Amino acid sequence: MAKLHTSKITLTVSLDENQVPEKLKWSAEDGGINSKEAKAMLLSVWDSKNKESLKIDLWTKDMPVDEMRIFFHQTLVSLSDTFLKATHDEKMSATMKDFCDYFAEKLELKG
């Protein structure tokens, strides 16, 4: 039997006295990332038993709103790419990309 390889991703959240994130750091040794700082993160996991998505959404108190808008836009584009890879549903992926374009236009992210 082949030996099972385990990969670990670590998230570290530093909180202020009001439990508001001040710093976010993440590490992924297999990817060569060690304690890299981030200003925001969105993590979703699928609970197959209960058929529901569980999530953690965090951002530091100094995350600028203009960067948050860009972060959300890039996340939505990435989700549409992942949806295509996972389902091979080109029509819905294109619809999602159309929404991403609309989102960017309304937030004036694209010139």
PDB file of N, CA and C in Angstrom:
ATOM      1  N   MET A   1       0.836  -1.180   0.000  1.00  0.00           N
ATOM      2  CA  MET A   1       0.000   0.000   0.000  1.00  0.00           C
ATOM      3  C   MET A   1       0.884   1.248   0.000  1.00  0.00           C
ATOM      4  N   ALA A   2       0.484   2.256  -0.778  1.00  0.00           N
ATOM      5  CA  ALA A   2       1.246   3.507  -0.868  1.00  0.00           C
ATOM      6  C   ALA A   2       1.109   4.311   0.418  1.00  0.00           C
ATOM      7  N   LYS A   3       2.186   4.991   0.758  1.00  0.00           N
ATOM      8  CA  LYS A   3       2.171   5.829   1.956  1.00  0.00           C
ATOM      9  C   LYS A   3       1.351   7.093   1.685  1.00  0.00           C
ATOM     10  N   LEU A   4       0.474   7.412   2.591  1.00  0.00           N
ATOM     11  CA  LEU A   4      -0.381   8.596   2.480  1.00  0.00           C
ATOM     12  C   LEU A   4       0.419   9.841   2.828  1.00  0.00           C
ATOM     13  N   HIS A   5       0.336  10.853   1.983  1.00  0.00           N
ATOM     14  CA  HIS A   5       0.996  12.139   2.239  1.00  0.00           C
ATOM     15  C   HIS A   5      -0.034  13.109   2.805  1.00  0.00           C
ATOM     16  N   THR A   6       0.334  13.804   3.836  1.00  0.00           N
ATOM     17  CA  THR A   6      -0.541  14.807   4.436  1.00  0.00           C
ATOM     18  C   THR A   6       0.082  16.176   4.213  1.00  0.00           C
ATOM     19  N   SER A   7      -0.735  17.126   3.793  1.00  0.00           N
ATOM     20  CA  SER A   7      -0.293  18.496   3.582  1.00  0.00           C
ATOM     21  C   SER A   7      -1.055  19.388   4.548  1.00  0.00           C
ATOM     22  N   LYS A   8      -0.366  20.332   5.145  1.00  0.00           N
ATOM     23  CA  LYS A   8      -0.992  21.184   6.155  1.00  0.00           C
ATOM     24  C   LYS A   8      -0.980  22.641   5.704  1.00  0.00           C
ATOM     25  N   ILE A   9      -2.127  23.287   5.850  1.00  0.00           N
ATOM     26  CA  ILE A   9      -2.265  24.725   5.625  1.00  0.00           C
ATOM     27  C   ILE A   9      -2.655  25.325   6.973  1.00  0.00           C
ATOM     28  N   THR A  10      -1.916  26.346   7.397  1.00  0.00           N
ATOM     29  CA  THR A  10      -2.140  26.950   8.703  1.00  0.00           C
ATOM     30  C   THR A  10      -2.553  28.405   8.561  1.00  0.00           C
ATOM     31  N   LEU A  11      -3.567  28.799   9.308  1.00  0.00           N
ATOM     32  CA  LEU A  11      -4.021  30.186   9.364  1.00  0.00           C
ATOM     33  C   LEU A  11      -3.797  30.701  10.782  1.00  0.00           C
ATOM     34  N   THR A  12      -3.202  31.882  10.894  1.00  0.00           N
ATOM     35  CA  THR A  12      -2.977  32.491  12.194  1.00  0.00           C
ATOM     36  C   THR A  12      -3.638  33.863  12.198  1.00  0.00           C
ATOM     37  N   VAL A  13      -4.508  34.085  13.179  1.00  0.00           N
ATOM     38  CA  VAL A  13      -5.248  35.339  13.278  1.00  0.00           C
ATOM     39  C   VAL A  13      -4.884  36.013  14.592  1.00  0.00           C
ATOM     40  N   SER A  14      -4.337  37.229  14.505  1.00  0.00           N
ATOM     41  CA  SER A  14      -4.041  38.034  15.693  1.00  0.00           C
ATOM     42  C   SER A  14      -5.199  38.998  15.897  1.00  0.00           C
ATOM     43  N   LEU A  15      -5.764  38.980  17.109  1.00  0.00           N
ATOM     44  CA  LEU A  15      -6.944  39.792  17.408  1.00  0.00           C
ATOM     45  C   LEU A  15      -6.608  40.919  18.375  1.00  0.00           C
ATOM     46  N   ASP A  16      -7.354  42.017  18.261  1.00  0.00           N
ATOM     47  CA  ASP A  16      -7.201  43.096  19.230  1.00  0.00           C
ATOM     48  C   ASP A  16      -8.060  42.780  20.455  1.00  0.00           C
ATOM     49  N   GLU A  17      -8.136  43.708  21.374  1.00  0.00           N
ATOM     50  CA  GLU A  17      -8.880  43.486  22.623  1.00  0.00           C
ATOM     51  C   GLU A  17     -10.384  43.290  22.399  1.00  0.00           C
ATOM     52  N   ASN A  18     -10.893  43.716  21.227  1.00  0.00           N
ATOM     53  CA  ASN A  18     -12.316  43.542  20.900  1.00  0.00           C
ATOM     54  C   ASN A  18     -12.570  42.346  19.976  1.00  0.00           C
ATOM     55  N   GLN A  19     -11.560  41.487  19.861  1.00  0.00           N
ATOM     56  CA  GLN A  19     -11.651  40.287  19.025  1.00  0.00           C
ATOM     57  C   GLN A  19     -11.765  40.599  17.526  1.00  0.00           C
ATOM     58  N   VAL A  20     -11.261  41.769  17.114  1.00  0.00           N
ATOM     59  CA  VAL A  20     -11.237  42.168  15.705  1.00  0.00           C
ATOM     60  C   VAL A  20      -9.854  41.797  15.142  1.00  0.00           C
ATOM     61  N   PRO A  21      -9.819  41.136  13.986  1.00  0.00           N
ATOM     62  CA  PRO A  21      -8.524  40.751  13.420  1.00  0.00           C
ATOM     63  C   PRO A  21      -7.620  41.956  13.124  1.00  0.00           C
ATOM     64  N   GLU A  22      -6.402  41.883  13.625  1.00  0.00           N
ATOM     65  CA  GLU A  22      -5.390  42.895  13.330  1.00  0.00           C
ATOM     66  C   GLU A  22      -4.412  42.384  12.276  1.00  0.00           C
ATOM     67  N   LYS A  23      -4.092  41.093  12.345  1.00  0.00           N
ATOM     68  CA  LYS A  23      -3.166  40.481  11.392  1.00  0.00           C
ATOM     69  C   LYS A  23      -3.670  39.099  11.019  1.00  0.00           C
ATOM     70  N   LEU A  24      -3.492  38.781   9.741  1.00  0.00           N
ATOM     71  CA  LEU A  24      -3.779  37.443   9.234  1.00  0.00           C
ATOM     72  C   LEU A  24      -2.494  36.932   8.596  1.00  0.00           C
ATOM     73  N   LYS A  25      -2.122  35.709   8.930  1.00  0.00           N
ATOM     74  CA  LYS A  25      -0.958  35.073   8.319  1.00  0.00           C
ATOM     75  C   LYS A  25      -1.333  33.651   7.943  1.00  0.00           C
ATOM     76  N   TRP A  26      -0.730  33.182   6.855  1.00  0.00           N
ATOM     77  CA  TRP A  26      -0.987  31.809   6.439  1.00  0.00           C
ATOM     78  C   TRP A  26       0.295  31.149   5.994  1.00  0.00           C
ATOM     79  N   SER A  27       0.322  29.843   6.169  1.00  0.00           N
ATOM     80  CA  SER A  27       1.479  29.038   5.778  1.00  0.00           C
ATOM     81  C   SER A  27       0.990  27.799   5.052  1.00  0.00           C
ATOM     82  N   ALA A  28       1.732  27.407   4.043  1.00  0.00           N
ATOM     83  CA  ALA A  28       1.485  26.173   3.302  1.00  0.00           C
ATOM     84  C   ALA A  28       2.856  25.638   2.909  1.00  0.00           C
ATOM     85  N   GLU A  29       3.426  24.801   3.761  1.00  0.00           N
ATOM     86  CA  GLU A  29       4.801  24.341   3.567  1.00  0.00           C
ATOM     87  C   GLU A  29       5.016  23.688   2.209  1.00  0.00           C
ATOM     88  N   ASP A  30       4.069  22.874   1.749  1.00  0.00           N
ATOM     89  CA  ASP A  30       4.223  22.215   0.446  1.00  0.00           C
ATOM     90  C   ASP A  30       4.282  23.227  -0.697  1.00  0.00           C
ATOM     91  N   GLY A  31       3.698  24.411  -0.487  1.00  0.00           N
ATOM     92  CA  GLY A  31       3.717  25.456  -1.505  1.00  0.00           C
ATOM     93  C   GLY A  31       4.833  26.464  -1.300  1.00  0.00           C
ATOM     94  N   GLY A  32       5.656  26.245  -0.281  1.00  0.00           N
ATOM     95  CA  GLY A  32       6.765  27.151  -0.016  1.00  0.00           C
ATOM     96  C   GLY A  32       6.339  28.469   0.619  1.00  0.00           C
ATOM     97  N   ILE A  33       5.175  28.476   1.245  1.00  0.00           N
ATOM     98  CA  ILE A  33       4.683  29.709   1.863  1.00  0.00           C
ATOM     99  C   ILE A  33       4.787  29.560   3.376  1.00  0.00           C
ATOM    100  N   ASN A  34       5.473  30.524   4.000  1.00  0.00           N
ATOM    101  CA  ASN A  34       5.672  30.465   5.438  1.00  0.00           C
ATOM    102  C   ASN A  34       5.309  31.788   6.083  1.00  0.00           C
ATOM    103  N   SER A  35       4.235  31.792   6.820  1.00  0.00           N
ATOM    104  CA  SER A  35       3.787  32.947   7.600  1.00  0.00           C
ATOM    105  C   SER A  35       3.653  34.210   6.739  1.00  0.00           C
ATOM    106  N   LYS A  36       2.968  34.066   5.615  1.00  0.00           N
ATOM    107  CA  LYS A  36       2.754  35.198   4.708  1.00  0.00           C
ATOM    108  C   LYS A  36       1.544  36.013   5.183  1.00  0.00           C
ATOM    109  N   GLU A  37       1.707  37.334   5.199  1.00  0.00           N
ATOM    110  CA  GLU A  37       0.621  38.207   5.647  1.00  0.00           C
ATOM    111  C   GLU A  37      -0.446  38.364   4.582  1.00  0.00           C
ATOM    112  N   ALA A  38      -1.672  38.516   5.045  1.00  0.00           N
ATOM    113  CA  ALA A  38      -2.822  38.799   4.188  1.00  0.00           C
ATOM    114  C   ALA A  38      -3.701  39.813   4.901  1.00  0.00           C
ATOM    115  N   LYS A  39      -4.500  40.536   4.135  1.00  0.00           N
ATOM    116  CA  LYS A  39      -5.421  41.506   4.727  1.00  0.00           C
ATOM    117  C   LYS A  39      -6.840  40.950   4.833  1.00  0.00           C
ATOM    118  N   ALA A  40      -7.138  39.898   4.043  1.00  0.00           N
ATOM    119  CA  ALA A  40      -8.476  39.319   4.070  1.00  0.00           C
ATOM    120  C   ALA A  40      -8.407  37.869   3.617  1.00  0.00           C
ATOM    121  N   MET A  41      -9.421  37.098   4.025  1.00  0.00           N
ATOM    122  CA  MET A  41      -9.524  35.711   3.599  1.00  0.00           C
ATOM    123  C   MET A  41     -10.977  35.266   3.614  1.00  0.00           C
ATOM    124  N   LEU A  42     -11.292  34.393   2.673  1.00  0.00           N
ATOM    125  CA  LEU A  42     -12.608  33.762   2.604  1.00  0.00           C
ATOM    126  C   LEU A  42     -12.342  32.273   2.500  1.00  0.00           C
ATOM    127  N   LEU A  43     -12.867  31.502   3.420  1.00  0.00           N
ATOM    128  CA  LEU A  43     -12.659  30.063   3.416  1.00  0.00           C
ATOM    129  C   LEU A  43     -14.018  29.375   3.466  1.00  0.00           C
ATOM    130  N   SER A  44     -14.274  28.503   2.505  1.00  0.00           N
ATOM    131  CA  SER A  44     -15.516  27.728   2.478  1.00  0.00           C
ATOM    132  C   SER A  44     -15.173  26.253   2.456  1.00  0.00           C
ATOM    133  N   VAL A  45     -15.904  25.493   3.238  1.00  0.00           N
ATOM    134  CA  VAL A  45     -15.768  24.036   3.231  1.00  0.00           C
ATOM    135  C   VAL A  45     -17.159  23.433   3.091  1.00  0.00           C
ATOM    136  N   TRP A  46     -17.215  22.258   2.462  1.00  0.00           N
ATOM    137  CA  TRP A  46     -18.496  21.597   2.210  1.00  0.00           C
ATOM    138  C   TRP A  46     -18.733  20.514   3.252  1.00  0.00           C
ATOM    139  N   ASP A  47     -19.859  20.624   3.964  1.00  0.00           N
ATOM    140  CA  ASP A  47     -20.304  19.608   4.909  1.00  0.00           C
ATOM    141  C   ASP A  47     -21.249  18.687   4.149  1.00  0.00           C
ATOM    142  N   SER A  48     -20.732  17.569   3.675  1.00  0.00           N
ATOM    143  CA  SER A  48     -21.504  16.656   2.844  1.00  0.00           C
ATOM    144  C   SER A  48     -22.671  16.030   3.602  1.00  0.00           C
ATOM    145  N   LYS A  49     -22.467  15.747   4.861  1.00  0.00           N
ATOM    146  CA  LYS A  49     -23.525  15.126   5.662  1.00  0.00           C
ATOM    147  C   LYS A  49     -24.761  16.018   5.750  1.00  0.00           C
ATOM    148  N   ASN A  50     -24.539  17.309   6.023  1.00  0.00           N
ATOM    149  CA  ASN A  50     -25.651  18.253   6.180  1.00  0.00           C
ATOM    150  C   ASN A  50     -25.978  19.008   4.892  1.00  0.00           C
ATOM    151  N   LYS A  51     -25.204  18.753   3.832  1.00  0.00           N
ATOM    152  CA  LYS A  51     -25.405  19.418   2.542  1.00  0.00           C
ATOM    153  C   LYS A  51     -25.430  20.937   2.684  1.00  0.00           C
ATOM    154  N   GLU A  52     -24.368  21.444   3.332  1.00  0.00           N
ATOM    155  CA  GLU A  52     -24.279  22.890   3.510  1.00  0.00           C
ATOM    156  C   GLU A  52     -22.832  23.357   3.488  1.00  0.00           C
ATOM    157  N   SER A  53     -22.680  24.588   3.090  1.00  0.00           N
ATOM    158  CA  SER A  53     -21.380  25.231   3.053  1.00  0.00           C
ATOM    159  C   SER A  53     -21.129  25.906   4.401  1.00  0.00           C
ATOM    160  N   LEU A  54     -19.941  25.703   4.917  1.00  0.00           N
ATOM    161  CA  LEU A  54     -19.522  26.366   6.153  1.00  0.00           C
ATOM    162  C   LEU A  54     -18.398  27.320   5.778  1.00  0.00           C
ATOM    163  N   LYS A  55     -18.355  28.478   6.426  1.00  0.00           N
ATOM    164  CA  LYS A  55     -17.375  29.457   5.973  1.00  0.00           C
ATOM    165  C   LYS A  55     -16.792  30.279   7.101  1.00  0.00           C
ATOM    166  N   ILE A  56     -15.626  30.802   6.804  1.00  0.00           N
ATOM    167  CA  ILE A  56     -14.950  31.764   7.669  1.00  0.00           C
ATOM    168  C   ILE A  56     -14.563  32.932   6.771  1.00  0.00           C
ATOM    169  N   ASP A  57     -15.050  34.105   7.078  1.00  0.00           N
ATOM    170  CA  ASP A  57     -14.712  35.331   6.350  1.00  0.00           C
ATOM    171  C   ASP A  57     -14.052  36.282   7.342  1.00  0.00           C
ATOM    172  N   LEU A  58     -12.809  36.620   7.094  1.00  0.00           N
ATOM    173  CA  LEU A  58     -12.082  37.522   7.989  1.00  0.00           C
ATOM    174  C   LEU A  58     -11.345  38.581   7.187  1.00  0.00           C
ATOM    175  N   TRP A  59     -11.237  39.755   7.756  1.00  0.00           N
ATOM    176  CA  TRP A  59     -10.403  40.802   7.186  1.00  0.00           C
ATOM    177  C   TRP A  59      -9.891  41.658   8.329  1.00  0.00           C
ATOM    178  N   THR A  60      -8.704  42.202   8.116  1.00  0.00           N
ATOM    179  CA  THR A  60      -8.102  43.032   9.158  1.00  0.00           C
ATOM    180  C   THR A  60      -8.777  44.396   9.180  1.00  0.00           C
ATOM    181  N   LYS A  61      -8.683  45.031  10.328  1.00  0.00           N
ATOM    182  CA  LYS A  61      -9.351  46.329  10.467  1.00  0.00           C
ATOM    183  C   LYS A  61      -8.729  47.410   9.593  1.00  0.00           C
ATOM    184  N   ASP A  62      -7.530  47.162   9.077  1.00  0.00           N
ATOM    185  CA  ASP A  62      -6.915  48.153   8.187  1.00  0.00           C
ATOM    186  C   ASP A  62      -7.030  47.774   6.708  1.00  0.00           C
ATOM    187  N   MET A  63      -7.916  46.814   6.381  1.00  0.00           N
ATOM    188  CA  MET A  63      -8.155  46.444   4.973  1.00  0.00           C
ATOM    189  C   MET A  63      -8.946  47.578   4.320  1.00  0.00           C
ATOM    190  N   PRO A  64      -8.372  48.246   3.324  1.00  0.00           N
ATOM    191  CA  PRO A  64      -9.076  49.355   2.675  1.00  0.00           C
ATOM    192  C   PRO A  64     -10.291  48.857   1.875  1.00  0.00           C
ATOM    193  N   VAL A  65     -11.349  49.625   1.877  1.00  0.00           N
ATOM    194  CA  VAL A  65     -12.578  49.257   1.176  1.00  0.00           C
ATOM    195  C   VAL A  65     -12.325  49.104  -0.321  1.00  0.00           C
ATOM    196  N   ASP A  66     -11.498  49.959  -0.913  1.00  0.00           N
ATOM    197  CA  ASP A  66     -11.235  49.829  -2.350  1.00  0.00           C
ATOM    198  C   ASP A  66     -10.529  48.506  -2.664  1.00  0.00           C
ATOM    199  N   GLU A  67      -9.644  48.063  -1.778  1.00  0.00           N
ATOM    200  CA  GLU A  67      -9.006  46.766  -1.974  1.00  0.00           C
ATOM    201  C   GLU A  67      -9.988  45.619  -1.739  1.00  0.00           C
ATOM    202  N   MET A  68     -10.927  45.795  -0.804  1.00  0.00           N
ATOM    203  CA  MET A  68     -11.936  44.769  -0.553  1.00  0.00           C
ATOM    204  C   MET A  68     -12.805  44.573  -1.788  1.00  0.00           C
ATOM    205  N   ARG A  69     -13.134  45.654  -2.472  1.00  0.00           N
ATOM    206  CA  ARG A  69     -13.926  45.556  -3.707  1.00  0.00           C
ATOM    207  C   ARG A  69     -13.167  44.754  -4.779  1.00  0.00           C
ATOM    208  N   ILE A  70     -11.880  45.038  -4.924  1.00  0.00           N
ATOM    209  CA  ILE A  70     -11.050  44.305  -5.890  1.00  0.00           C
ATOM    210  C   ILE A  70     -10.935  42.834  -5.478  1.00  0.00           C
ATOM    211  N   PHE A  71     -10.731  42.599  -4.192  1.00  0.00           N
ATOM    212  CA  PHE A  71     -10.632  41.236  -3.660  1.00  0.00           C
ATOM    213  C   PHE A  71     -11.897  40.436  -3.971  1.00  0.00           C
ATOM    214  N   PHE A  72     -13.053  41.031  -3.741  1.00  0.00           N
ATOM    215  CA  PHE A  72     -14.305  40.342  -4.033  1.00  0.00           C
ATOM    216  C   PHE A  72     -14.455  40.077  -5.526  1.00  0.00           C
ATOM    217  N   HIS A  73     -14.112  41.050  -6.352  1.00  0.00           N
ATOM    218  CA  HIS A  73     -14.218  40.849  -7.792  1.00  0.00           C
ATOM    219  C   HIS A  73     -13.314  39.698  -8.233  1.00  0.00           C
ATOM    220  N   GLN A  74     -12.077  39.707  -7.791  1.00  0.00           N
ATOM    221  CA  GLN A  74     -11.152  38.640  -8.177  1.00  0.00           C
ATOM    222  C   GLN A  74     -11.615  37.284  -7.644  1.00  0.00           C
ATOM    223  N   THR A  75     -12.207  37.271  -6.461  1.00  0.00           N
ATOM    224  CA  THR A  75     -12.731  36.022  -5.898  1.00  0.00           C
ATOM    225  C   THR A  75     -13.890  35.501  -6.733  1.00  0.00           C
ATOM    226  N   LEU A  76     -14.778  36.386  -7.154  1.00  0.00           N
ATOM    227  CA  LEU A  76     -15.911  35.970  -7.989  1.00  0.00           C
ATOM    228  C   LEU A  76     -15.430  35.414  -9.333  1.00  0.00           C
ATOM    229  N   VAL A  77     -14.444  36.062  -9.941  1.00  0.00           N
ATOM    230  CA  VAL A  77     -13.884  35.564 -11.209  1.00  0.00           C
ATOM    231  C   VAL A  77     -13.266  34.182 -10.987  1.00  0.00           C
ATOM    232  N   SER A  78     -12.529  34.046  -9.909  1.00  0.00           N
ATOM    233  CA  SER A  78     -11.900  32.770  -9.588  1.00  0.00           C
ATOM    234  C   SER A  78     -12.945  31.676  -9.348  1.00  0.00           C
ATOM    235  N   LEU A  79     -14.022  32.026  -8.669  1.00  0.00           N
ATOM    236  CA  LEU A  79     -15.104  31.055  -8.432  1.00  0.00           C
ATOM    237  C   LEU A  79     -15.733  30.593  -9.740  1.00  0.00           C
ATOM    238  N   SER A  80     -15.889  31.495 -10.696  1.00  0.00           N
ATOM    239  CA  SER A  80     -16.464  31.090 -11.976  1.00  0.00           C
ATOM    240  C   SER A  80     -15.512  30.143 -12.712  1.00  0.00           C
ATOM    241  N   ASP A  81     -14.196  30.371 -12.598  1.00  0.00           N
ATOM    242  CA  ASP A  81     -13.206  29.464 -13.188  1.00  0.00           C
ATOM    243  C   ASP A  81     -13.254  28.099 -12.505  1.00  0.00           C
ATOM    244  N   THR A  82     -13.329  28.100 -11.181  1.00  0.00           N
ATOM    245  CA  THR A  82     -13.387  26.850 -10.424  1.00  0.00           C
ATOM    246  C   THR A  82     -14.674  26.091 -10.724  1.00  0.00           C
ATOM    247  N   PHE A  83     -15.774  26.827 -10.842  1.00  0.00           N
ATOM    248  CA  PHE A  83     -17.055  26.198 -11.179  1.00  0.00           C
ATOM    249  C   PHE A  83     -16.959  25.468 -12.519  1.00  0.00           C
ATOM    250  N   LEU A  84     -16.326  26.104 -13.505  1.00  0.00           N
ATOM    251  CA  LEU A  84     -16.150  25.478 -14.812  1.00  0.00           C
ATOM    252  C   LEU A  84     -15.308  24.202 -14.701  1.00  0.00           C
ATOM    253  N   LYS A  85     -14.195  24.273 -13.967  1.00  0.00           N
ATOM    254  CA  LYS A  85     -13.343  23.091 -13.788  1.00  0.00           C
ATOM    255  C   LYS A  85     -14.097  21.957 -13.106  1.00  0.00           C
ATOM    256  N   ALA A  86     -14.900  22.294 -12.103  1.00  0.00           N
ATOM    257  CA  ALA A  86     -15.577  21.277 -11.301  1.00  0.00           C
ATOM    258  C   ALA A  86     -16.791  20.668 -11.993  1.00  0.00           C
ATOM    259  N   THR A  87     -17.479  21.457 -12.817  1.00  0.00           N
ATOM    260  CA  THR A  87     -18.754  20.991 -13.387  1.00  0.00           C
ATOM    261  C   THR A  87     -18.740  20.848 -14.903  1.00  0.00           C
ATOM    262  N   HIS A  88     -17.799  21.488 -15.571  1.00  0.00           N
ATOM    263  CA  HIS A  88     -17.737  21.538 -17.041  1.00  0.00           C
ATOM    264  C   HIS A  88     -18.979  22.213 -17.635  1.00  0.00           C
ATOM    265  N   ASP A  89     -19.643  23.034 -16.841  1.00  0.00           N
ATOM    266  CA  ASP A  89     -20.844  23.751 -17.282  1.00  0.00           C
ATOM    267  C   ASP A  89     -20.414  25.107 -17.843  1.00  0.00           C
ATOM    268  N   GLU A  90     -20.131  25.113 -19.144  1.00  0.00           N
ATOM    269  CA  GLU A  90     -19.620  26.320 -19.789  1.00  0.00           C
ATOM    270  C   GLU A  90     -20.647  27.446 -19.822  1.00  0.00           C
ATOM    271  N   LYS A  91     -21.909  27.094 -20.021  1.00  0.00           N
ATOM    272  CA  LYS A  91     -22.954  28.119 -20.110  1.00  0.00           C
ATOM    273  C   LYS A  91     -23.099  28.879 -18.781  1.00  0.00           C
ATOM    274  N   MET A  92     -23.168  28.155 -17.674  1.00  0.00           N
ATOM    275  CA  MET A  92     -23.323  28.831 -16.377  1.00  0.00           C
ATOM    276  C   MET A  92     -22.047  29.578 -16.001  1.00  0.00           C
ATOM    277  N   SER A  93     -20.899  29.026 -16.349  1.00  0.00           N
ATOM    278  CA  SER A  93     -19.643  29.717 -16.074  1.00  0.00           C
ATOM    279  C   SER A  93     -19.595  31.051 -16.826  1.00  0.00           C
ATOM    280  N   ALA A  94     -20.046  31.052 -18.066  1.00  0.00           N
ATOM    281  CA  ALA A  94     -20.089  32.292 -18.852  1.00  0.00           C
ATOM    282  C   ALA A  94     -21.058  33.290 -18.220  1.00  0.00           C
ATOM    283  N   THR A  95     -22.174  32.788 -17.702  1.00  0.00           N
ATOM    284  CA  THR A  95     -23.150  33.656 -17.030  1.00  0.00           C
ATOM    285  C   THR A  95     -22.522  34.272 -15.780  1.00  0.00           C
ATOM    286  N   MET A  96     -21.772  33.451 -15.053  1.00  0.00           N
ATOM    287  CA  MET A  96     -21.085  33.965 -13.867  1.00  0.00           C
ATOM    288  C   MET A  96     -20.063  35.034 -14.250  1.00  0.00           C
ATOM    289  N   LYS A  97     -19.337  34.815 -15.343  1.00  0.00           N
ATOM    290  CA  LYS A  97     -18.355  35.812 -15.811  1.00  0.00           C
ATOM    291  C   LYS A  97     -19.050  37.108 -16.219  1.00  0.00           C
ATOM    292  N   ASP A  98     -20.236  36.987 -16.832  1.00  0.00           N
ATOM    293  CA  ASP A  98     -21.011  38.183 -17.176  1.00  0.00           C
ATOM    294  C   ASP A  98     -21.335  38.977 -15.920  1.00  0.00           C
ATOM    295  N   PHE A  99     -21.732  38.265 -14.861  1.00  0.00           N
ATOM    296  CA  PHE A  99     -22.013  38.953 -13.591  1.00  0.00           C
ATOM    297  C   PHE A  99     -20.749  39.622 -13.061  1.00  0.00           C
ATOM    298  N   CYS A 100     -19.610  38.955 -13.181  1.00  0.00           N
ATOM    299  CA  CYS A 100     -18.345  39.535 -12.715  1.00  0.00           C
ATOM    300  C   CYS A 100     -18.044  40.842 -13.452  1.00  0.00           C
ATOM    301  N   ASP A 101     -18.305  40.848 -14.753  1.00  0.00           N
ATOM    302  CA  ASP A 101     -18.115  42.074 -15.533  1.00  0.00           C
ATOM    303  C   ASP A 101     -19.062  43.174 -15.058  1.00  0.00           C
ATOM    304  N   TYR A 102     -20.308  42.800 -14.800  1.00  0.00           N
ATOM    305  CA  TYR A 102     -21.310  43.748 -14.290  1.00  0.00           C
ATOM    306  C   TYR A 102     -20.875  44.289 -12.929  1.00  0.00           C
ATOM    307  N   PHE A 103     -20.430  43.398 -12.062  1.00  0.00           N
ATOM    308  CA  PHE A 103     -19.961  43.762 -10.723  1.00  0.00           C
ATOM    309  C   PHE A 103     -18.824  44.787 -10.822  1.00  0.00           C
ATOM    310  N   ALA A 104     -17.845  44.489 -11.677  1.00  0.00           N
ATOM    311  CA  ALA A 104     -16.697  45.385 -11.861  1.00  0.00           C
ATOM    312  C   ALA A 104     -17.127  46.731 -12.422  1.00  0.00           C
ATOM    313  N   GLU A 105     -18.064  46.698 -13.357  1.00  0.00           N
ATOM    314  CA  GLU A 105     -18.564  47.946 -13.958  1.00  0.00           C
ATOM    315  C   GLU A 105     -19.258  48.807 -12.911  1.00  0.00           C
ATOM    316  N   LYS A 106     -20.141  48.206 -12.112  1.00  0.00           N
ATOM    317  CA  LYS A 106     -20.882  48.967 -11.103  1.00  0.00           C
ATOM    318  C   LYS A 106     -19.972  49.537 -10.017  1.00  0.00           C
ATOM    319  N   LEU A 107     -18.877  48.826  -9.734  1.00  0.00           N
ATOM    320  CA  LEU A 107     -17.921  49.317  -8.722  1.00  0.00           C
ATOM    321  C   LEU A 107     -16.808  50.153  -9.343  1.00  0.00           C
ATOM    322  N   GLU A 108     -16.915  50.366 -10.673  1.00  0.00           N
ATOM    323  CA  GLU A 108     -15.938  51.142 -11.426  1.00  0.00           C
ATOM    324  C   GLU A 108     -14.525  50.604 -11.213  1.00  0.00           C
ATOM    325  N   LEU A 109     -14.398  49.272 -11.319  1.00  0.00           N
ATOM    326  CA  LEU A 109     -13.091  48.627 -11.161  1.00  0.00           C
ATOM    327  C   LEU A 109     -12.349  48.548 -12.495  1.00  0.00           C
ATOM    328  N   LYS A 110     -13.090  48.580 -13.594  1.00  0.00           N
ATOM    329  CA  LYS A 110     -12.475  48.498 -14.912  1.00  0.00           C
ATOM    330  C   LYS A 110     -12.667  49.811 -15.639  1.00  0.00           C
ATOM    331  N   GLY A 111     -11.639  50.222 -16.363  1.00  0.00           N
ATOM    332  CA  GLY A 111     -11.715  51.485 -17.077  1.00  0.00           C
ATOM    333  C   GLY A 111     -12.330  51.383 -18.438  1.00  0.00           C
TER     334      GLY A 111
END
